[in-house]
Amino acid sequence: MTEQSPAAQSGSGPGGSSSDGATPNPGPRPGAPSPAALARKVAPRPTPAVAPRVERGSDPSKWGRVDESGAVFVRTADGERQVGSWQAGAPEEGLAHFGLRFDDLAAEVALLETRLDSHPQDARKTRASAETLAAQIPAAAAVGDLDSLAARVAAVIERSGEVEAAARQRKDEQRAAAIARKEALAAEAEEIGASSTQWKSAGDRLREILEEWKTIRGIDRKTDDALWKRFSKAREAFNRRRGSHFAELDRTRASVKRVKEELVERAEALSASTEWNDTATAFRRLMDEWKAAGRAPRDADDALWKRFKAAQDTFFDARHAASAERDAEFESNAQAKEALLAEYEGRIDPAADLGAARSALRSLQSRWEEIGKVPRERMGQLEGRIRALEKRVADAADTEWRRTDPEAKARAGQFWDRVRDFEEQAAKAEAAGRSNEAEGARAQASQWREWAEAAERAVDTR
């Protein structure tokens, strides 16, 4: 028998045959390969005498048969029905052909089952596809367990409702969460826009909110637009306030720049002064004014500060140098006074010769004043030594006065002369600005006054 194609032989009805001259029923037409057909490989037949080996997902021989006339039947719970005919080869090949049709249907069912689990949000579309497939299965030209396949499709249809409801609930929950989050972000932005003055950190936070905002999905257009308007309005309010702040700051800093320029000019005018104490006080006041002035524009502020600091440094460096020179002079004076004390301490002996002791003391005092100031830390020790000599002479003179009554009045007068001498020295030193020298002279005048008063009392009470 000559081999013919399935298109010519597989379409005759039950009991039909091509030998009776009737036109054969059209058999299954080959079309685009189905996914199931592509997934299975049919071994090529090297010769017409060798039957092909077909790999398939089900065994059609359990569910169908091919009778002597080539009619192909499938068995279901409702009985046996013809699904086509096969005239082009062995019955096994016909069953394999219609088994592949079943495998295609099974692959579609499996795809629907998978899609229902992997894409629950598309449950309605999946159900519609399953209902269409369920309507095709009872009349499908395929050989396999069609009852089981129909049951699987029915399960997909039934379960799709639950999946759709769960997906809708999840979507509603996600939408509510997305709305709540955007509402929170909008509220935070509104607070920033209304009151924040931390311009850098607040601006950074608004940018972070915007980036997070872009990632939030699943909100209906109307609600999302309303929330966006809130956020946008808050951001614009913040930008306006920040712009106004920095505009005012620019105006203020321009004013501060003028103030600091005037302070720099005053500082530079003082930098060459040698009035150390008064000028140092003036520089401290200028610094207080500088701090109170505020900030000028950064570049101008830095340049003005360099000029101000340079003027300060010029003055204080000069004062330091003068102070070092003065300290050296004072140290030399201290050494001179120590040498003077060493010279006179052995010569002033009022017990041996009161007159010579007085004369030597006056010489010492005169030379002492001519030498000048000494370092503050050495003043007490040196002054103490000369005061001790003066007290020795004064004590001896007091004793002498008490012993020589006729001259007591005259001696008292001499004490008052010394008081006047020292007071005049104090006045002259004060007028010359030598306050320490004036203080020392007043101390001596006070001491001589006590002695004069004591001498007068001694005369009066003798």
Protein backbone atom coordinates (compact mmCIF):
# COMPACT_ATOMS: atom_id res chain seq x y z
CA MET A 1 0.00 0.00 0.00
CA THR A 2 1.31 3.44 -0.88
CA GLU A 3 1.78 5.77 2.17
CA GLN A 4 -0.49 8.84 2.17
CA SER A 5 -0.45 12.00 4.29
CA PRO A 6 -2.75 12.38 7.33
CA ALA A 7 -4.40 15.32 5.58
CA ALA A 8 -5.69 12.95 2.95
CA GLN A 9 -6.61 9.96 5.13
CA SER A 10 -7.37 10.94 8.71
CA GLY A 11 -10.62 12.79 8.10
CA SER A 12 -13.09 10.00 7.02
CA GLY A 13 -16.03 9.48 9.31
CA PRO A 14 -16.92 6.26 11.15
CA GLY A 15 -16.88 3.32 8.81
CA GLY A 16 -15.86 5.62 5.97
CA SER A 17 -13.27 4.54 3.39
CA SER A 18 -11.57 6.14 0.45
CA SER A 19 -12.22 3.01 -1.70
CA ASP A 20 -15.95 3.70 -2.10
CA GLY A 21 -15.33 6.81 -4.20
CA ALA A 22 -16.78 9.22 -1.59
CA THR A 23 -14.93 12.46 -0.87
CA PRO A 24 -12.89 11.94 2.30
CA ASN A 25 -13.55 14.08 5.36
CA PRO A 26 -10.73 16.53 5.91
CA GLY A 27 -8.35 15.33 8.57
CA PRO A 28 -6.30 17.43 11.00
CA ARG A 29 -4.36 20.15 9.22
CA PRO A 30 -0.78 20.71 10.29
CA GLY A 31 -0.35 24.25 11.62
CA ALA A 32 2.25 26.18 13.69
CA PRO A 33 3.94 23.84 16.17
CA SER A 34 2.40 23.99 19.62
CA PRO A 35 4.54 24.37 22.79
CA ALA A 36 3.90 20.76 23.68
CA ALA A 37 4.85 19.58 20.16
CA LEU A 38 8.08 21.62 20.30
CA ALA A 39 8.86 20.13 23.71
CA ARG A 40 8.70 16.62 22.37
CA LYS A 41 10.99 15.15 19.80
CA VAL A 42 9.74 12.55 17.32
CA ALA A 43 12.61 10.42 16.10
CA PRO A 44 12.96 10.66 12.27
CA ARG A 45 12.11 7.54 10.27
CA PRO A 46 15.06 6.62 8.12
CA THR A 47 12.88 4.36 5.97
CA PRO A 48 9.11 4.02 5.51
CA ALA A 49 9.32 0.50 6.93
CA VAL A 50 10.43 1.67 10.42
CA ALA A 51 7.77 3.11 12.74
CA PRO A 52 8.67 6.35 14.51
CA ARG A 53 9.26 6.50 18.26
CA VAL A 54 7.34 9.37 19.81
CA GLU A 55 8.18 10.90 23.21
CA ARG A 56 5.01 12.24 24.78
CA GLY A 57 3.65 13.29 28.16
CA SER A 58 0.83 10.74 28.23
CA ASP A 59 0.10 7.28 26.91
CA PRO A 60 -2.82 7.63 24.44
CA SER A 61 -3.22 3.86 24.21
CA LYS A 62 -4.80 3.93 27.71
CA TRP A 63 -7.46 6.38 26.60
CA GLY A 64 -8.19 5.67 22.97
CA ARG A 65 -8.06 3.33 20.01
CA VAL A 66 -7.99 3.18 16.18
CA ASP A 67 -10.38 0.72 14.55
CA GLU A 68 -9.94 -1.22 11.33
CA SER A 69 -11.32 1.64 9.25
CA GLY A 70 -8.89 4.18 10.74
CA ALA A 71 -11.44 5.90 12.98
CA VAL A 72 -9.82 7.29 16.15
CA PHE A 73 -11.79 7.13 19.42
CA VAL A 74 -11.23 8.52 22.95
CA ARG A 75 -12.78 7.10 26.13
CA THR A 76 -14.26 9.47 28.74
CA ALA A 77 -16.64 9.10 31.66
CA ASP A 78 -19.50 9.80 29.25
CA GLY A 79 -18.43 6.97 26.98
CA GLU A 80 -16.47 6.61 23.79
CA ARG A 81 -16.51 9.22 21.02
CA GLN A 82 -14.72 9.57 17.71
CA VAL A 83 -12.20 12.39 17.53
CA GLY A 84 -10.97 11.83 13.93
CA SER A 85 -9.53 9.26 11.56
CA TRP A 86 -6.08 8.07 10.60
CA GLN A 87 -5.35 6.64 7.17
CA ALA A 88 -1.68 7.43 6.71
CA GLY A 89 0.10 4.77 8.71
CA ALA A 90 0.04 2.42 11.64
CA PRO A 91 -2.66 2.87 14.31
CA GLU A 92 0.05 3.61 16.88
CA GLU A 93 1.07 6.63 14.85
CA GLY A 94 -2.51 7.84 14.78
CA LEU A 95 -2.85 7.50 18.54
CA ALA A 96 0.50 9.30 18.95
CA HIS A 97 -0.73 12.12 16.73
CA PHE A 98 -3.91 12.66 18.74
CA GLY A 99 -1.98 12.12 21.99
CA LEU A 100 0.14 15.12 21.07
CA ARG A 101 -3.08 17.08 20.70
CA PHE A 102 -3.92 16.09 24.27
CA ASP A 103 -0.43 17.04 25.47
CA ASP A 104 -0.94 20.48 23.94
CA LEU A 105 -4.15 20.89 25.93
CA ALA A 106 -2.41 19.63 29.11
CA ALA A 107 0.40 22.14 28.56
CA GLU A 108 -2.17 24.94 28.32
CA VAL A 109 -3.80 23.80 31.58
CA ALA A 110 -0.41 23.62 33.34
CA LEU A 111 0.36 27.13 32.07
CA LEU A 112 -2.92 28.42 33.51
CA GLU A 113 -2.20 26.73 36.87
CA THR A 114 1.27 28.26 37.01
CA ARG A 115 0.07 31.69 35.96
CA LEU A 116 -2.63 31.66 38.64
CA ASP A 117 0.08 31.21 41.30
CA SER A 118 2.75 33.44 39.79
CA HIS A 119 0.49 36.30 38.65
CA PRO A 120 -2.41 36.41 41.12
CA GLN A 121 -3.21 39.96 40.03
CA ASP A 122 -4.20 38.52 36.61
CA ALA A 123 -6.58 35.96 38.12
CA ARG A 124 -9.58 37.31 36.15
CA LYS A 125 -7.79 36.94 32.82
CA THR A 126 -6.61 33.50 33.83
CA ARG A 127 -10.19 32.48 34.69
CA ALA A 128 -11.46 33.73 31.32
CA SER A 129 -8.80 31.68 29.53
CA ALA A 130 -9.66 28.64 31.65
CA GLU A 131 -13.38 28.98 30.90
CA THR A 132 -12.63 29.13 27.16
CA LEU A 133 -10.43 26.06 27.45
CA ALA A 134 -13.06 24.24 29.55
CA ALA A 135 -15.60 24.76 26.76
CA GLN A 136 -13.18 23.23 24.21
CA ILE A 137 -12.21 20.10 26.14
CA PRO A 138 -15.51 18.12 25.72
CA ALA A 139 -15.19 18.27 21.92
CA ALA A 140 -11.42 18.29 21.69
CA ALA A 141 -9.89 16.13 18.92
CA ALA A 142 -7.36 14.64 21.32
CA VAL A 143 -6.72 11.30 22.99
CA GLY A 144 -5.84 11.32 26.70
CA ASP A 145 -7.34 11.68 30.17
CA LEU A 146 -9.74 14.44 29.17
CA ASP A 147 -11.83 14.01 32.35
CA SER A 148 -8.82 14.69 34.56
CA LEU A 149 -7.86 17.63 32.36
CA ALA A 150 -11.39 19.03 32.63
CA ALA A 151 -11.24 18.64 36.42
CA ARG A 152 -7.95 20.58 36.54
CA VAL A 153 -9.41 23.38 34.46
CA ALA A 154 -12.49 23.46 36.72
CA ALA A 155 -10.18 23.72 39.75
CA VAL A 156 -8.39 26.66 38.14
CA ILE A 157 -11.73 28.37 37.52
CA GLU A 158 -12.91 27.74 41.08
CA ARG A 159 -9.64 28.77 42.73
CA SER A 160 -9.28 31.88 40.58
CA GLY A 161 -12.02 33.61 42.57
CA GLU A 162 -10.18 33.12 45.85
CA VAL A 163 -6.89 34.17 44.28
CA GLU A 164 -8.51 37.24 42.76
CA ALA A 165 -10.04 38.23 46.11
CA ALA A 166 -6.74 37.74 47.92
CA ALA A 167 -4.87 39.69 45.24
CA ARG A 168 -7.44 42.47 45.46
CA GLN A 169 -7.06 42.56 49.24
CA ARG A 170 -3.28 42.70 48.97
CA LYS A 171 -3.57 45.43 46.37
CA ASP A 172 -5.91 47.40 48.62
CA GLU A 173 -3.56 46.97 51.57
CA GLN A 174 -0.57 48.01 49.48
CA ARG A 175 -2.51 51.00 48.16
CA ALA A 176 -3.49 52.01 51.71
CA ALA A 177 0.12 51.64 52.87
CA ALA A 178 1.37 53.65 49.89
CA ILE A 179 -1.18 56.40 50.57
CA ALA A 180 -0.29 56.44 54.28
CA ARG A 181 3.40 56.72 53.48
CA LYS A 182 2.93 59.54 51.00
CA GLU A 183 0.63 61.32 53.47
CA ALA A 184 3.37 61.04 56.11
CA LEU A 185 5.97 62.34 53.66
CA ALA A 186 3.68 65.19 52.62
CA ALA A 187 3.05 66.11 56.27
CA GLU A 188 6.79 66.08 56.99
CA ALA A 189 7.41 68.26 53.93
CA GLU A 190 4.69 70.68 55.06
CA GLU A 191 6.29 71.00 58.48
CA ILE A 192 9.67 71.65 56.89
CA GLY A 193 8.16 74.13 54.44
CA ALA A 194 6.37 76.04 57.20
CA SER A 195 8.97 76.35 59.94
CA SER A 196 12.39 74.77 59.38
CA THR A 197 15.39 77.11 59.35
CA GLN A 198 18.01 74.38 59.05
CA TRP A 199 18.40 75.25 55.41
CA LYS A 200 21.07 72.70 54.45
CA SER A 201 19.72 69.66 56.30
CA ALA A 202 16.09 70.52 55.51
CA GLY A 203 16.87 70.91 51.80
CA ASP A 204 18.67 67.56 51.83
CA ARG A 205 15.69 65.94 53.56
CA LEU A 206 13.25 67.29 50.95
CA ARG A 207 15.40 65.77 48.21
CA GLU A 208 15.39 62.44 50.07
CA ILE A 209 11.59 62.62 50.36
CA LEU A 210 11.31 63.26 46.62
CA GLU A 211 13.49 60.23 45.80
CA GLU A 212 11.42 58.01 48.11
CA TRP A 213 8.20 59.49 46.66
CA LYS A 214 9.20 58.32 43.18
CA THR A 215 9.50 54.72 44.39
CA ILE A 216 5.98 54.53 45.87
CA ARG A 217 3.45 52.98 43.45
CA GLY A 218 -0.08 51.63 43.44
CA ILE A 219 -2.08 54.78 44.22
CA ASP A 220 -5.00 55.94 42.10
CA ARG A 221 -4.34 59.00 39.95
CA LYS A 222 -6.69 61.37 41.77
CA THR A 223 -5.32 60.61 45.24
CA ASP A 224 -1.72 60.65 44.01
CA ASP A 225 -2.21 64.04 42.33
CA ALA A 226 -3.69 65.52 45.50
CA LEU A 227 -0.80 64.25 47.63
CA TRP A 228 1.74 65.50 45.09
CA LYS A 229 0.18 68.97 45.20
CA ARG A 230 0.63 69.03 48.98
CA PHE A 231 4.27 67.99 48.74
CA SER A 232 5.00 70.37 45.86
CA LYS A 233 3.37 73.28 47.67
CA ALA A 234 5.37 72.57 50.83
CA ARG A 235 8.62 72.37 48.88
CA GLU A 236 7.88 75.65 47.10
CA ALA A 237 7.10 77.32 50.46
CA PHE A 238 10.43 76.15 51.86
CA ASN A 239 12.30 77.34 48.77
CA ARG A 240 10.65 80.77 49.02
CA ARG A 241 11.51 81.13 52.69
CA ARG A 242 15.06 79.96 52.08
CA GLY A 243 15.46 82.36 49.15
CA SER A 244 14.15 85.25 51.26
CA HIS A 245 16.47 84.30 54.12
CA PHE A 246 19.56 84.26 51.98
CA ALA A 247 18.56 87.45 50.17
CA GLU A 248 18.22 89.17 53.55
CA LEU A 249 21.46 87.54 54.64
CA ASP A 250 23.20 88.95 51.59
CA ARG A 251 21.92 92.41 52.45
CA THR A 252 22.98 92.01 56.07
CA ARG A 253 26.40 90.72 55.12
CA ALA A 254 26.94 93.67 52.80
CA SER A 255 26.24 95.96 55.77
CA VAL A 256 28.54 93.88 57.98
CA LYS A 257 31.25 94.18 55.35
CA ARG A 258 31.11 97.96 55.58
CA VAL A 259 31.27 97.83 59.38
CA LYS A 260 34.27 95.52 59.35
CA GLU A 261 36.07 97.61 56.74
CA GLU A 262 35.79 100.56 59.15
CA LEU A 263 37.07 98.39 62.03
CA VAL A 264 40.05 97.31 59.93
CA GLU A 265 40.89 100.93 59.15
CA ARG A 266 40.79 101.81 62.86
CA ALA A 267 42.94 98.80 63.71
CA GLU A 268 45.52 99.68 61.08
CA ALA A 269 45.64 103.25 62.36
CA LEU A 270 46.41 101.94 65.90
CA SER A 271 49.00 99.38 64.82
CA ALA A 272 51.95 101.81 65.09
CA SER A 273 50.95 103.26 68.49
CA THR A 274 53.39 103.03 71.41
CA GLU A 275 50.77 103.85 74.02
CA TRP A 276 50.85 100.24 75.05
CA ASN A 277 48.16 100.09 77.73
CA ASP A 278 45.61 102.39 76.11
CA THR A 279 46.10 100.88 72.66
CA ALA A 280 45.82 97.31 73.97
CA THR A 281 42.52 98.31 75.57
CA ALA A 282 41.41 99.86 72.28
CA PHE A 283 42.25 96.66 70.39
CA ARG A 284 40.20 94.61 72.86
CA ARG A 285 37.23 96.88 72.22
CA LEU A 286 37.72 96.57 68.47
CA MET A 287 37.69 92.78 68.82
CA ASP A 288 34.43 92.93 70.76
CA GLU A 289 32.90 95.06 67.99
CA TRP A 290 34.22 92.63 65.36
CA LYS A 291 32.56 89.67 67.06
CA ALA A 292 29.29 91.56 67.49
CA ALA A 293 29.21 92.67 63.83
CA GLY A 294 28.38 89.21 62.45
CA ARG A 295 29.51 87.60 59.19
CA ALA A 296 30.32 89.36 55.96
CA PRO A 297 30.42 87.43 52.64
CA ARG A 298 32.94 84.61 53.09
CA ASP A 299 35.64 85.87 50.70
CA ALA A 300 35.41 89.44 51.98
CA ASP A 301 35.22 88.31 55.62
CA ASP A 302 38.38 86.21 55.31
CA ALA A 303 40.30 89.02 53.58
CA LEU A 304 39.17 91.62 56.15
CA TRP A 305 40.07 89.33 59.03
CA LYS A 306 43.58 88.89 57.65
CA ARG A 307 44.05 92.66 57.57
CA PHE A 308 42.56 93.08 61.07
CA LYS A 309 44.75 90.30 62.49
CA ALA A 310 47.84 91.72 60.78
CA ALA A 311 47.23 95.12 62.43
CA GLN A 312 46.78 93.43 65.81
CA ASP A 313 49.93 91.39 65.38
CA THR A 314 51.95 94.45 64.38
CA PHE A 315 50.98 96.29 67.55
CA PHE A 316 51.28 93.40 69.99
CA ASP A 317 54.57 92.22 68.49
CA ALA A 318 55.94 95.75 68.97
CA ARG A 319 54.60 95.84 72.52
CA HIS A 320 56.16 92.49 73.26
CA ALA A 321 59.50 93.68 71.93
CA ALA A 322 59.27 96.88 73.99
CA SER A 323 58.25 94.86 77.03
CA ALA A 324 61.24 92.58 76.55
CA GLU A 325 63.52 95.62 76.27
CA ARG A 326 61.93 97.19 79.34
CA ASP A 327 62.28 93.95 81.29
CA ALA A 328 65.96 93.86 80.40
CA GLU A 329 66.30 97.46 81.60
CA PHE A 330 64.41 96.70 84.81
CA GLU A 331 66.59 93.69 85.47
CA SER A 332 69.66 95.87 85.03
CA ASN A 333 68.14 98.38 87.47
CA ALA A 334 67.52 95.59 89.98
CA GLN A 335 71.14 94.52 89.77
CA ALA A 336 72.25 98.16 90.22
CA LYS A 337 70.04 98.51 93.32
CA GLU A 338 71.38 95.27 94.75
CA ALA A 339 74.90 96.60 94.26
CA LEU A 340 73.86 99.91 95.86
CA LEU A 341 72.40 98.13 98.88
CA ALA A 342 75.52 96.01 99.22
CA GLU A 343 77.56 99.24 99.18
CA TYR A 344 75.48 101.12 101.81
CA GLU A 345 74.34 98.36 104.16
CA GLY A 346 77.85 98.25 105.64
CA ARG A 347 78.18 102.07 105.79
CA ILE A 348 74.90 102.93 107.50
CA ASP A 349 75.47 102.32 111.23
CA PRO A 350 73.41 104.79 113.28
CA ALA A 351 74.62 103.28 116.52
CA ALA A 352 78.19 104.30 115.68
CA ASP A 353 77.48 107.67 114.03
CA LEU A 354 73.90 108.80 113.59
CA GLY A 355 74.84 111.79 111.49
CA ALA A 356 76.99 109.79 109.11
CA ALA A 357 74.24 107.18 108.91
CA ARG A 358 71.71 109.88 108.01
CA SER A 359 73.98 111.35 105.38
CA ALA A 360 74.67 107.94 103.88
CA LEU A 361 70.94 107.11 103.90
CA ARG A 362 70.09 110.32 102.04
CA SER A 363 72.79 109.53 99.48
CA LEU A 364 71.41 106.01 99.13
CA GLN A 365 67.86 107.26 98.70
CA SER A 366 68.89 109.81 96.09
CA ARG A 367 70.86 107.30 94.05
CA TRP A 368 68.08 104.72 94.54
CA GLU A 369 65.49 106.94 92.90
CA GLU A 370 67.82 107.80 90.03
CA ILE A 371 68.27 104.15 89.12
CA GLY A 372 64.59 103.70 88.28
CA LYS A 373 62.16 100.79 88.22
CA VAL A 374 62.88 97.12 88.78
CA PRO A 375 60.89 93.97 87.81
CA ARG A 376 57.65 93.72 89.74
CA GLU A 377 58.54 90.34 91.23
CA ARG A 378 61.76 91.77 92.74
CA MET A 379 60.36 95.06 93.95
CA GLY A 380 59.19 93.81 97.34
CA GLN A 381 62.50 92.24 98.29
CA LEU A 382 64.59 95.28 97.27
CA GLU A 383 62.20 97.81 98.84
CA GLY A 384 62.17 95.76 102.01
CA ARG A 385 65.96 96.00 102.33
CA ILE A 386 66.10 99.80 101.90
CA ARG A 387 63.11 100.22 104.25
CA ALA A 388 65.01 98.22 106.85
CA LEU A 389 67.96 100.66 106.60
CA GLU A 390 65.62 103.64 106.83
CA LYS A 391 63.97 102.14 109.89
CA ARG A 392 67.33 101.56 111.59
CA VAL A 393 68.22 105.21 111.09
CA ALA A 394 64.77 106.40 112.13
CA ASP A 395 64.78 104.27 115.26
CA ALA A 396 68.23 105.59 116.20
CA ALA A 397 67.12 109.16 115.54
CA ASP A 398 64.02 108.64 117.67
CA THR A 399 66.17 107.40 120.47
CA GLU A 400 68.48 110.38 120.04
CA TRP A 401 65.61 112.79 120.04
CA ARG A 402 64.31 111.38 123.21
CA ARG A 403 67.74 111.80 124.72
CA THR A 404 68.30 115.40 123.50
CA ASP A 405 65.21 117.36 124.44
CA PRO A 406 66.38 120.88 123.36
CA GLU A 407 66.62 119.79 119.78
CA ALA A 408 63.45 117.69 119.72
CA LYS A 409 61.35 120.41 118.15
CA ALA A 410 63.94 120.97 115.48
CA ARG A 411 64.12 117.28 114.78
CA ALA A 412 60.36 117.08 114.54
CA GLY A 413 60.53 119.88 112.02
CA GLN A 414 63.11 117.94 110.04
CA PHE A 415 60.71 114.99 109.94
CA TRP A 416 58.05 117.25 108.53
CA ASP A 417 60.59 118.52 106.01
CA ARG A 418 61.13 114.94 104.90
CA VAL A 419 57.37 114.45 104.68
CA ARG A 420 57.11 117.48 102.40
CA ASP A 421 60.10 116.33 100.33
CA PHE A 422 58.57 112.95 99.69
CA GLU A 423 55.14 114.42 98.99
CA GLU A 424 56.73 116.74 96.41
CA GLN A 425 58.54 113.75 94.90
CA ALA A 426 55.25 111.86 94.74
CA ALA A 427 53.51 114.76 93.04
CA LYS A 428 56.27 115.13 90.46
CA ALA A 429 56.36 111.38 89.76
CA GLU A 430 52.56 111.28 89.41
CA ALA A 431 52.63 114.21 86.98
CA ALA A 432 55.29 112.41 84.92
CA GLY A 433 53.22 109.24 84.78
CA ARG A 434 55.57 107.24 87.04
CA SER A 435 52.83 105.83 89.21
CA ASN A 436 54.96 103.20 90.95
CA GLU A 437 57.57 105.81 91.90
CA ALA A 438 54.83 108.14 93.13
CA GLU A 439 53.38 105.34 95.23
CA GLY A 440 56.77 104.66 96.80
CA ALA A 441 57.30 108.35 97.59
CA ARG A 442 53.86 108.61 99.21
CA ALA A 443 54.64 105.55 101.32
CA GLN A 444 57.83 107.16 102.53
CA ALA A 445 56.00 110.43 103.19
CA SER A 446 53.45 108.52 105.26
CA GLN A 447 56.21 106.82 107.21
CA TRP A 448 57.98 110.15 107.88
CA ARG A 449 54.68 111.69 108.90
CA GLU A 450 54.22 108.98 111.53
CA TRP A 451 57.74 109.64 112.75
CA ALA A 452 57.17 113.41 112.81
CA GLU A 453 53.96 113.01 114.76
CA ALA A 454 55.65 110.62 117.14
CA ALA A 455 58.49 113.10 117.62
CA GLU A 456 56.09 115.90 118.37
CA ARG A 457 54.18 113.73 120.84
CA ALA A 458 57.45 112.74 122.47
CA VAL A 459 58.40 116.41 122.87
CA ASP A 460 54.98 117.32 124.13
CA THR A 461 54.89 114.52 126.69
CA ARG A 462 58.45 114.87 128.04
